[in-house]
C-alpha atoms as a PDB file:
ATOM      1  CA  MET A   1       0.000   0.000   0.000  1.00  0.00           C
ATOM      2  CA  LYS A   2       1.372   3.385  -0.962  1.00  0.00           C
ATOM      3  CA  SER A   3       0.374   6.578   0.816  1.00  0.00           C
ATOM      4  CA  TYR A   4       0.592   9.904  -0.956  1.00  0.00           C
ATOM      5  CA  GLU A   5       2.405  12.460   1.175  1.00  0.00           C
ATOM      6  CA  GLY A   6       3.924  15.760   0.199  1.00  0.00           C
ATOM      7  CA  THR A   7       0.877  17.104  -1.620  1.00  0.00           C
ATOM      8  CA  LYS A   8       1.920  20.557  -0.377  1.00  0.00           C
ATOM      9  CA  HIS A   9       3.860  20.816  -3.642  1.00  0.00           C
ATOM     10  CA  LEU A  10       0.647  21.265  -5.633  1.00  0.00           C
ATOM     11  CA  THR A  11       0.991  23.923  -8.309  1.00  0.00           C
ATOM     12  CA  ASP A  12      -1.648  26.191  -9.838  1.00  0.00           C
ATOM     13  CA  SER A  13      -2.007  23.738 -12.732  1.00  0.00           C
ATOM     14  CA  ASP A  14      -3.004  20.999 -10.282  1.00  0.00           C
ATOM     15  CA  HIS A  15      -6.328  22.683  -9.580  1.00  0.00           C
ATOM     16  CA  ARG A  16      -6.965  24.448 -12.862  1.00  0.00           C
ATOM     17  CA  PRO A  17     -10.076  23.268 -14.759  1.00  0.00           C
ATOM     18  CA  ASN A  18      -9.364  20.491 -17.247  1.00  0.00           C
ATOM     19  CA  HIS A  19     -10.210  22.585 -20.298  1.00  0.00           C
ATOM     20  CA  HIS A  20      -7.180  21.247 -22.172  1.00  0.00           C
ATOM     21  CA  LEU A  21      -8.946  17.889 -22.313  1.00  0.00           C
ATOM     22  CA  GLN A  22     -12.003  16.959 -24.358  1.00  0.00           C
ATOM     23  CA  ARG A  23     -15.202  17.319 -22.362  1.00  0.00           C
ATOM     24  CA  THR A  24     -16.443  13.922 -21.243  1.00  0.00           C
ATOM     25  CA  GLY A  25     -19.605  12.470 -19.765  1.00  0.00           C
ATOM     26  CA  TRP A  26     -19.944  11.210 -16.206  1.00  0.00           C
ATOM     27  CA  ARG A  27     -22.896   9.928 -14.241  1.00  0.00           C
ATOM     28  CA  VAL A  28     -24.107  11.303 -10.942  1.00  0.00           C
ATOM     29  CA  PHE A  29     -25.894   9.177  -8.345  1.00  0.00           C
ATOM     30  CA  GLU A  30     -27.765  10.961  -5.534  1.00  0.00           C
ATOM     31  CA  PRO A  31     -29.234   8.380  -3.152  1.00  0.00           C
ATOM     32  CA  GLY A  32     -29.895  10.665  -0.178  1.00  0.00           C
ATOM     33  CA  CYS A  33     -28.887   9.550   3.305  1.00  0.00           C
ATOM     34  CA  ILE A  34     -27.063   6.195   3.479  1.00  0.00           C
ATOM     35  CA  ALA A  35     -25.432   4.452   6.424  1.00  0.00           C
ATOM     36  CA  TYR A  36     -21.640   4.557   6.136  1.00  0.00           C
ATOM     37  CA  PRO A  37     -21.096   0.754   5.944  1.00  0.00           C
ATOM     38  CA  ASP A  38     -23.663   0.483   3.142  1.00  0.00           C
ATOM     39  CA  ALA A  39     -22.031   3.324   1.207  1.00  0.00           C
ATOM     40  CA  LEU A  40     -18.618   1.720   1.666  1.00  0.00           C
ATOM     41  CA  ALA A  41     -19.850  -1.641   0.383  1.00  0.00           C
ATOM     42  CA  LEU A  42     -21.444   0.109  -2.598  1.00  0.00           C
ATOM     43  CA  GLN A  43     -18.155   1.829  -3.424  1.00  0.00           C
ATOM     44  CA  HIS A  44     -16.292  -1.492  -3.311  1.00  0.00           C
ATOM     45  CA  ARG A  45     -18.715  -2.967  -5.845  1.00  0.00           C
ATOM     46  CA  LEU A  46     -18.551   0.105  -8.056  1.00  0.00           C
ATOM     47  CA  VAL A  47     -14.743   0.099  -8.067  1.00  0.00           C
ATOM     48  CA  GLN A  48     -14.820  -3.491  -9.302  1.00  0.00           C
ATOM     49  CA  ALA A  49     -17.468  -2.575 -11.845  1.00  0.00           C
ATOM     50  CA  ARG A  50     -15.467   0.400 -13.134  1.00  0.00           C
ATOM     51  CA  LYS A  51     -12.358  -1.755 -13.513  1.00  0.00           C
ATOM     52  CA  SER A  52     -14.263  -4.438 -15.436  1.00  0.00           C
ATOM     53  CA  ALA A  53     -16.136  -1.799 -17.507  1.00  0.00           C
ATOM     54  CA  ALA A  54     -19.488  -2.964 -16.140  1.00  0.00           C
ATOM     55  CA  LEU A  55     -19.604   0.667 -15.033  1.00  0.00           C
ATOM     56  CA  ASP A  56     -18.685   2.326 -18.314  1.00  0.00           C
ATOM     57  CA  THR A  57     -18.232   5.928 -17.175  1.00  0.00           C
ATOM     58  CA  ASP A  58     -16.725   7.690 -14.189  1.00  0.00           C
ATOM     59  CA  LEU A  59     -19.210   8.354 -11.417  1.00  0.00           C
ATOM     60  CA  LEU A  60     -19.897  11.058  -8.844  1.00  0.00           C
ATOM     61  CA  ILE A  61     -21.918   9.969  -5.798  1.00  0.00           C
ATOM     62  CA  LEU A  62     -23.511  12.730  -3.705  1.00  0.00           C
ATOM     63  CA  LEU A  63     -25.036  11.752  -0.368  1.00  0.00           C
ATOM     64  CA  GLU A  64     -24.974  12.279   3.365  1.00  0.00           C
ATOM     65  CA  HIS A  65     -24.496   9.888   6.264  1.00  0.00           C
ATOM     66  CA  PRO A  66     -26.211   9.429   9.599  1.00  0.00           C
ATOM     67  CA  PRO A  67     -23.855  10.482  12.423  1.00  0.00           C
ATOM     68  CA  VAL A  68     -20.606   8.485  12.312  1.00  0.00           C
ATOM     69  CA  PHE A  69     -16.915   8.877  13.111  1.00  0.00           C
ATOM     70  CA  THR A  70     -14.574   7.336  10.554  1.00  0.00           C
ATOM     71  CA  LEU A  71     -10.903   6.473  10.886  1.00  0.00           C
ATOM     72  CA  GLY A  72      -8.430   6.735   8.012  1.00  0.00           C
ATOM     73  CA  ARG A  73      -5.274   4.814   7.222  1.00  0.00           C
ATOM     74  CA  ARG A  74      -3.335   6.932   9.679  1.00  0.00           C
ATOM     75  CA  GLY A  75      -5.596   5.845  12.511  1.00  0.00           C
ATOM     76  CA  GLY A  76      -7.398   8.258  14.768  1.00  0.00           C
ATOM     77  CA  ARG A  77      -8.690   6.582  17.927  1.00  0.00           C
ATOM     78  CA  GLU A  78      -5.938   8.370  19.809  1.00  0.00           C
ATOM     79  CA  ASN A  79      -7.585  11.606  18.673  1.00  0.00           C
ATOM     80  CA  LEU A  80     -10.908  10.869  20.344  1.00  0.00           C
ATOM     81  CA  ARG A  81     -11.336  13.360  23.159  1.00  0.00           C
ATOM     82  CA  VAL A  82     -14.270  11.622  24.859  1.00  0.00           C
ATOM     83  CA  SER A  83     -14.601   8.290  26.626  1.00  0.00           C
ATOM     84  CA  SER A  84     -15.985   5.072  25.165  1.00  0.00           C
ATOM     85  CA  ASP A  85     -18.913   5.347  27.580  1.00  0.00           C
ATOM     86  CA  PHE A  86     -19.680   8.827  26.271  1.00  0.00           C
ATOM     87  CA  LEU A  87     -19.606   7.564  22.687  1.00  0.00           C
ATOM     88  CA  ASP A  88     -21.815   4.593  23.555  1.00  0.00           C
ATOM     89  CA  LYS A  89     -24.397   6.922  25.086  1.00  0.00           C
ATOM     90  CA  SER A  90     -24.247   9.212  22.050  1.00  0.00           C
ATOM     91  CA  GLY A  91     -25.062   6.292  19.745  1.00  0.00           C
ATOM     92  CA  ILE A  92     -22.474   7.439  17.190  1.00  0.00           C
ATOM     93  CA  PRO A  93     -20.375   4.532  15.850  1.00  0.00           C
ATOM     94  CA  VAL A  94     -16.664   4.620  15.035  1.00  0.00           C
ATOM     95  CA  ILE A  95     -15.794   2.857  11.762  1.00  0.00           C
ATOM     96  CA  GLN A  96     -12.471   2.082  10.099  1.00  0.00           C
ATOM     97  CA  ALA A  97     -12.165   3.086   6.435  1.00  0.00           C
ATOM     98  CA  GLU A  98      -9.464   2.623   3.777  1.00  0.00           C
ATOM     99  CA  ARG A  99      -9.215   6.275   2.839  1.00  0.00           C
ATOM    100  CA  GLY A 100      -6.217   8.398   3.656  1.00  0.00           C
ATOM    101  CA  GLY A 101      -6.069  10.675   6.649  1.00  0.00           C
ATOM    102  CA  ASN A 102      -7.138  10.471  10.258  1.00  0.00           C
ATOM    103  CA  ILE A 103     -10.398  10.697  12.202  1.00  0.00           C
ATOM    104  CA  THR A 104     -13.323  12.776  11.002  1.00  0.00           C
ATOM    105  CA  TYR A 105     -17.067  13.099  11.544  1.00  0.00           C
ATOM    106  CA  HIS A 106     -19.925  12.729   9.080  1.00  0.00           C
ATOM    107  CA  GLY A 107     -23.521  13.661   9.743  1.00  0.00           C
ATOM    108  CA  PRO A 108     -26.716  15.165   8.327  1.00  0.00           C
ATOM    109  CA  GLY A 109     -26.167  18.559   6.749  1.00  0.00           C
ATOM    110  CA  GLN A 110     -22.785  17.566   5.319  1.00  0.00           C
ATOM    111  CA  LEU A 111     -22.391  17.070   1.574  1.00  0.00           C
ATOM    112  CA  VAL A 112     -20.316  13.946   0.909  1.00  0.00           C
ATOM    113  CA  ALA A 113     -18.984  13.376  -2.604  1.00  0.00           C
ATOM    114  CA  TYR A 114     -17.472  10.040  -3.594  1.00  0.00           C
ATOM    115  CA  VAL A 115     -15.563   9.887  -6.869  1.00  0.00           C
ATOM    116  CA  ILE A 116     -15.334   6.570  -8.740  1.00  0.00           C
ATOM    117  CA  MET A 117     -12.859   7.410 -11.478  1.00  0.00           C
ATOM    118  CA  ASP A 118     -10.422   5.586 -13.733  1.00  0.00           C
ATOM    119  CA  LEU A 119      -7.297   7.680 -13.169  1.00  0.00           C
ATOM    120  CA  GLU A 120      -5.358   6.386 -16.165  1.00  0.00           C
ATOM    121  CA  ALA A 121      -8.222   6.851 -18.584  1.00  0.00           C
ATOM    122  CA  SER A 122      -8.841  10.353 -17.237  1.00  0.00           C
ATOM    123  CA  ARG A 123      -5.178  11.336 -17.800  1.00  0.00           C
ATOM    124  CA  MET A 124      -5.276  12.983 -14.386  1.00  0.00           C
ATOM    125  CA  SER A 125      -2.738  12.685 -11.581  1.00  0.00           C
ATOM    126  CA  VAL A 126      -3.667  12.205  -7.937  1.00  0.00           C
ATOM    127  CA  ARG A 127      -2.456  15.717  -7.172  1.00  0.00           C
ATOM    128  CA  GLU A 128      -4.642  17.151  -9.917  1.00  0.00           C
ATOM    129  CA  LEU A 129      -7.642  15.223  -8.612  1.00  0.00           C
ATOM    130  CA  VAL A 130      -7.165  16.554  -5.086  1.00  0.00           C
ATOM    131  CA  GLY A 131      -6.596  20.084  -6.351  1.00  0.00           C
ATOM    132  CA  GLN A 132      -9.751  19.999  -8.424  1.00  0.00           C
ATOM    133  CA  MET A 133     -11.802  18.631  -5.541  1.00  0.00           C
ATOM    134  CA  GLU A 134     -10.601  21.589  -3.482  1.00  0.00           C
ATOM    135  CA  GLU A 135     -11.333  23.984  -6.331  1.00  0.00           C
ATOM    136  CA  THR A 136     -14.896  22.680  -6.621  1.00  0.00           C
ATOM    137  CA  MET A 137     -15.529  23.240  -2.909  1.00  0.00           C
ATOM    138  CA  ILE A 138     -13.915  26.703  -2.985  1.00  0.00           C
ATOM    139  CA  ARG A 139     -16.077  27.810  -5.927  1.00  0.00           C
ATOM    140  CA  THR A 140     -19.182  26.370  -4.294  1.00  0.00           C
ATOM    141  CA  ALA A 141     -18.536  28.304  -1.081  1.00  0.00           C
ATOM    142  CA  LEU A 142     -17.817  31.481  -3.021  1.00  0.00           C
ATOM    143  CA  THR A 143     -21.355  31.373  -4.434  1.00  0.00           C
ATOM    144  CA  TRP A 144     -22.419  32.430  -0.922  1.00  0.00           C
ATOM    145  CA  ASN A 145     -19.527  34.910  -0.606  1.00  0.00           C
ATOM    146  CA  ILE A 146     -17.538  32.572   1.635  1.00  0.00           C
ATOM    147  CA  ARG A 147     -13.857  32.920   0.788  1.00  0.00           C
ATOM    148  CA  ALA A 148     -12.310  29.549   1.565  1.00  0.00           C
ATOM    149  CA  VAL A 149      -8.684  28.737   0.795  1.00  0.00           C
ATOM    150  CA  ARG A 150      -6.302  25.790   0.646  1.00  0.00           C
ATOM    151  CA  ASN A 151      -3.894  24.930   3.449  1.00  0.00           C
ATOM    152  CA  PRO A 152      -0.738  23.206   2.122  1.00  0.00           C
ATOM    153  CA  ALA A 153      -0.240  21.465   5.471  1.00  0.00           C
ATOM    154  CA  ASN A 154      -3.587  19.664   5.289  1.00  0.00           C
ATOM    155  CA  ARG A 155      -5.695  19.057   2.201  1.00  0.00           C
ATOM    156  CA  GLY A 156      -9.222  20.420   2.109  1.00  0.00           C
ATOM    157  CA  ILE A 157     -10.573  23.961   2.379  1.00  0.00           C
ATOM    158  CA  TRP A 158     -10.279  26.422   5.235  1.00  0.00           C
ATOM    159  CA  VAL A 159     -11.657  29.731   6.455  1.00  0.00           C
ATOM    160  CA  ASP A 160      -8.823  31.170   8.534  1.00  0.00           C
ATOM    161  CA  ASN A 161      -7.929  28.388  11.007  1.00  0.00           C
ATOM    162  CA  ARG A 162     -11.284  26.669  10.641  1.00  0.00           C
ATOM    163  CA  LYS A 163     -11.668  23.664   8.364  1.00  0.00           C
ATOM    164  CA  MET A 164     -14.820  23.594   6.263  1.00  0.00           C
ATOM    165  CA  GLY A 165     -14.139  20.812   3.757  1.00  0.00           C
ATOM    166  CA  SER A 166     -12.096  17.605   4.015  1.00  0.00           C
ATOM    167  CA  ILE A 167     -10.566  15.241   1.478  1.00  0.00           C
ATOM    168  CA  GLY A 168      -9.574  11.599   1.855  1.00  0.00           C
ATOM    169  CA  ILE A 169      -9.363   9.242  -1.093  1.00  0.00           C
ATOM    170  CA  ALA A 170      -8.192   5.725  -1.829  1.00  0.00           C
ATOM    171  CA  ILE A 171      -7.104   4.070  -5.089  1.00  0.00           C
ATOM    172  CA  ARG A 172      -7.696   0.433  -5.927  1.00  0.00           C
ATOM    173  CA  LYS A 173      -6.216  -0.969  -9.130  1.00  0.00           C
ATOM    174  CA  GLY A 174      -6.199   2.494 -10.681  1.00  0.00           C
ATOM    175  CA  ILE A 175      -9.781   3.363  -9.657  1.00  0.00           C
ATOM    176  CA  THR A 176     -10.416   6.103  -7.104  1.00  0.00           C
ATOM    177  CA  TYR A 177     -13.034   5.973  -4.380  1.00  0.00           C
ATOM    178  CA  HIS A 178     -13.938   7.868  -1.211  1.00  0.00           C
ATOM    179  CA  GLY A 179     -13.668  11.609  -1.792  1.00  0.00           C
ATOM    180  CA  LEU A 180     -14.624  14.767   0.097  1.00  0.00           C
ATOM    181  CA  ALA A 181     -16.972  16.150   2.723  1.00  0.00           C
ATOM    182  CA  LEU A 182     -18.218  19.752   2.711  1.00  0.00           C
ATOM    183  CA  ASN A 183     -19.827  21.107   5.875  1.00  0.00           C
ATOM    184  CA  VAL A 184     -23.036  22.854   4.835  1.00  0.00           C
ATOM    185  CA  ASP A 185     -25.298  23.107   7.896  1.00  0.00           C
ATOM    186  CA  VAL A 186     -24.057  20.055   9.809  1.00  0.00           C
ATOM    187  CA  SER A 187     -23.985  20.118  13.616  1.00  0.00           C
ATOM    188  CA  LEU A 188     -20.439  21.003  14.644  1.00  0.00           C
ATOM    189  CA  ASP A 189     -20.723  19.677  18.207  1.00  0.00           C
ATOM    190  CA  PRO A 190     -19.323  16.176  17.436  1.00  0.00           C
ATOM    191  CA  PHE A 191     -16.176  17.754  15.986  1.00  0.00           C
ATOM    192  CA  ASN A 192     -15.456  18.996  19.510  1.00  0.00           C
ATOM    193  CA  TRP A 193     -15.180  15.366  20.638  1.00  0.00           C
ATOM    194  CA  ILE A 194     -12.172  14.720  18.389  1.00  0.00           C
ATOM    195  CA  ASN A 195      -8.977  16.307  17.106  1.00  0.00           C
ATOM    196  CA  PRO A 196     -10.299  16.670  13.550  1.00  0.00           C
ATOM    197  CA  CYS A 197      -8.005  15.026  11.018  1.00  0.00           C
ATOM    198  CA  GLY A 198      -5.591  14.392  13.882  1.00  0.00           C
ATOM    199  CA  LEU A 199      -4.864  18.118  14.201  1.00  0.00           C
ATOM    200  CA  GLN A 200      -4.877  19.994  17.478  1.00  0.00           C
ATOM    201  CA  SER A 201      -5.660  23.668  18.028  1.00  0.00           C
ATOM    202  CA  ILE A 202      -7.792  24.012  14.920  1.00  0.00           C
ATOM    203  CA  GLY A 203     -11.465  24.766  14.515  1.00  0.00           C
ATOM    204  CA  VAL A 204     -14.134  23.314  12.283  1.00  0.00           C
ATOM    205  CA  THR A 205     -16.748  25.421  10.582  1.00  0.00           C
ATOM    206  CA  SER A 206     -19.645  25.177   8.134  1.00  0.00           C
ATOM    207  CA  MET A 207     -21.022  27.292   5.329  1.00  0.00           C
ATOM    208  CA  GLN A 208     -24.027  28.126   7.498  1.00  0.00           C
ATOM    209  CA  ARG A 209     -21.796  29.385  10.313  1.00  0.00           C
ATOM    210  CA  GLU A 210     -19.616  31.462   7.995  1.00  0.00           C
ATOM    211  CA  SER A 211     -22.527  33.096   6.182  1.00  0.00           C
ATOM    212  CA  PRO A 212     -25.831  32.668   8.051  1.00  0.00           C
ATOM    213  CA  SER A 213     -28.465  32.652   5.352  1.00  0.00           C
ATOM    214  CA  ASN A 214     -31.731  30.908   4.710  1.00  0.00           C
ATOM    215  CA  SER A 215     -30.442  30.176   1.199  1.00  0.00           C
ATOM    216  CA  ILE A 216     -27.694  27.903   2.511  1.00  0.00           C
ATOM    217  CA  THR A 217     -29.395  24.540   2.495  1.00  0.00           C
ATOM    218  CA  LYS A 218     -27.928  21.212   1.569  1.00  0.00           C
ATOM    219  CA  PRO A 219     -30.128  20.834  -1.576  1.00  0.00           C
ATOM    220  CA  SER A 220     -29.136  24.290  -2.854  1.00  0.00           C
ATOM    221  CA  VAL A 221     -25.456  23.692  -2.121  1.00  0.00           C
ATOM    222  CA  GLN A 222     -25.597  20.258  -3.746  1.00  0.00           C
ATOM    223  CA  GLN A 223     -26.929  21.767  -6.978  1.00  0.00           C
ATOM    224  CA  VAL A 224     -24.232  24.438  -7.057  1.00  0.00           C
ATOM    225  CA  PHE A 225     -21.599  21.811  -6.252  1.00  0.00           C
ATOM    226  CA  LYS A 226     -22.697  19.741  -9.262  1.00  0.00           C
ATOM    227  CA  ASP A 227     -22.503  22.797 -11.531  1.00  0.00           C
ATOM    228  CA  GLN A 228     -19.028  23.674 -10.273  1.00  0.00           C
ATOM    229  CA  PHE A 229     -17.850  20.054 -10.500  1.00  0.00           C
ATOM    230  CA  GLU A 230     -18.854  20.026 -14.171  1.00  0.00           C
ATOM    231  CA  THR A 231     -16.925  23.246 -14.788  1.00  0.00           C
ATOM    232  CA  VAL A 232     -13.765  22.325 -12.879  1.00  0.00           C
ATOM    233  CA  PHE A 233     -13.554  18.747 -14.180  1.00  0.00           C
ATOM    234  CA  ASN A 234     -14.739  19.767 -17.678  1.00  0.00           C
ATOM    235  CA  ILE A 235     -17.447  17.111 -17.759  1.00  0.00           C
ATOM    236  CA  ASP A 236     -21.191  16.715 -18.182  1.00  0.00           C
ATOM    237  CA  LEU A 237     -23.093  14.921 -15.426  1.00  0.00           C
ATOM    238  CA  ALA A 238     -26.035  12.692 -16.295  1.00  0.00           C
ATOM    239  CA  PRO A 239     -28.267  11.466 -13.443  1.00  0.00           C
ATOM    240  CA  VAL A 240     -28.492   7.736 -12.871  1.00  0.00           C
ATOM    241  CA  VAL A 241     -30.534   5.538 -10.546  1.00  0.00           C
ATOM    242  CA  ARG A 242     -29.140   2.564  -8.658  1.00  0.00           C
ATOM    243  CA  ASP A 243     -30.537  -0.081 -11.017  1.00  0.00           C
ATOM    244  CA  GLU A 244     -28.813   1.611 -13.965  1.00  0.00           C
ATOM    245  CA  LEU A 245     -25.380   2.044 -12.388  1.00  0.00           C
ATOM    246  CA  VAL A 246     -23.753  -0.945 -14.045  1.00  0.00           C
ATOM    247  CA  LYS A 247     -24.274  -2.987 -17.168  1.00  0.00           C
ATOM    248  CA  THR A 248     -25.513  -6.538 -16.844  1.00  0.00           C
ATOM    249  CA  PRO A 249     -24.255  -8.836 -15.506  1.00  0.00           C
ATOM    250  CA  ALA A 250     -24.315  -6.660 -12.401  1.00  0.00           C
ATOM    251  CA  ILE A 251     -21.691  -6.887  -9.696  1.00  0.00           C
ATOM    252  CA  PRO A 252     -23.288  -9.162  -7.084  1.00  0.00           C
ATOM    253  CA  ALA A 253     -24.111  -7.742  -3.683  1.00  0.00           C
ATOM    254  CA  GLY A 254     -21.424  -8.587  -1.173  1.00  0.00           C
ATOM    255  CA  GLY A 255     -18.852  -9.085  -3.903  1.00  0.00           C
ATOM    256  CA  ARG A 256     -15.354  -9.979  -2.698  1.00  0.00           C
ATOM    257  CA  SER A 257     -13.227  -7.030  -1.688  1.00  0.00           C
ATOM    258  CA  LEU A 258      -9.683  -6.825  -2.940  1.00  0.00           C
ATOM    259  CA  PRO A 259      -6.882  -7.309  -0.392  1.00  0.00           C
ATOM    260  CA  PRO A 260      -5.873  -4.133   1.458  1.00  0.00           C
ATOM    261  CA  ASP A 261      -2.381  -4.121  -0.030  1.00  0.00           C
ATOM    262  CA  SER A 262      -3.866  -3.401  -3.450  1.00  0.00           C
ATOM    263  CA  ASP A 263      -5.034  -0.005  -2.183  1.00  0.00           C
ATOM    264  CA  ARG A 264      -3.242   3.290  -2.142  1.00  0.00           C
ATOM    265  CA  SER A 265      -4.463   6.200  -0.093  1.00  0.00           C
ATOM    266  CA  LEU A 266      -4.098   9.941   0.014  1.00  0.00           C
ATOM    267  CA  THR A 267      -3.911  11.537   3.427  1.00  0.00           C
ATOM    268  CA  GLY A 268      -5.627  14.770   4.242  1.00  0.00           C
ATOM    269  CA  THR A 269      -9.061  14.424   5.850  1.00  0.00           C
END
């Protein structure tokens, strides 16, 4: 397994829209709120499907999760700031994931975007992918006059010392999965129970907190995010429903996962 460190060396070209490439077609799947284990299992099947061409285009998945803490390849339990008893009473599970990075929180009011993409076919590097994910979030926030920026020390987007969007991806046999999380109007309280992304002395914020407005709702932000994703990645998104995600024969439910050593991950939740 190879981890991607040193992404602080991103250049302007790493997050510039892909207008030098021919515009391509992707699909977008928007299933609503899905439990984290179910979304993870779905991604595993879709990665296999993309590699076998049963999924014949790259795919953007937009959803949200019920409250959950997830751990990245770099761990994160040591960054829990509350006791196991406290967590048990809260009812919020802690789940290990293959993505890069450390501990983070997902919950309602957070826009989660998973990217199932064939990196080689896209002619895009990992650094370009991360840069363009950041660019999409930055442009989305700017629609509401929120001026978010990159922080070379930790991938994602920031408003001053407050993190508003996180990135953590994994790569399996050349296919990306996992992705990003943008705080729209999510409750920020659970972030106080952890050192977000393994970082101390930082804050976490949301679009709603940075620009209180009735127009900042997850559905409105999700639509703007799709528009900006199309622009930054130079693609057209076509909606798809679950039954149409892959060609027949479909990838069977509970299909075998590949061994962990076949994964690579990018840190930076």
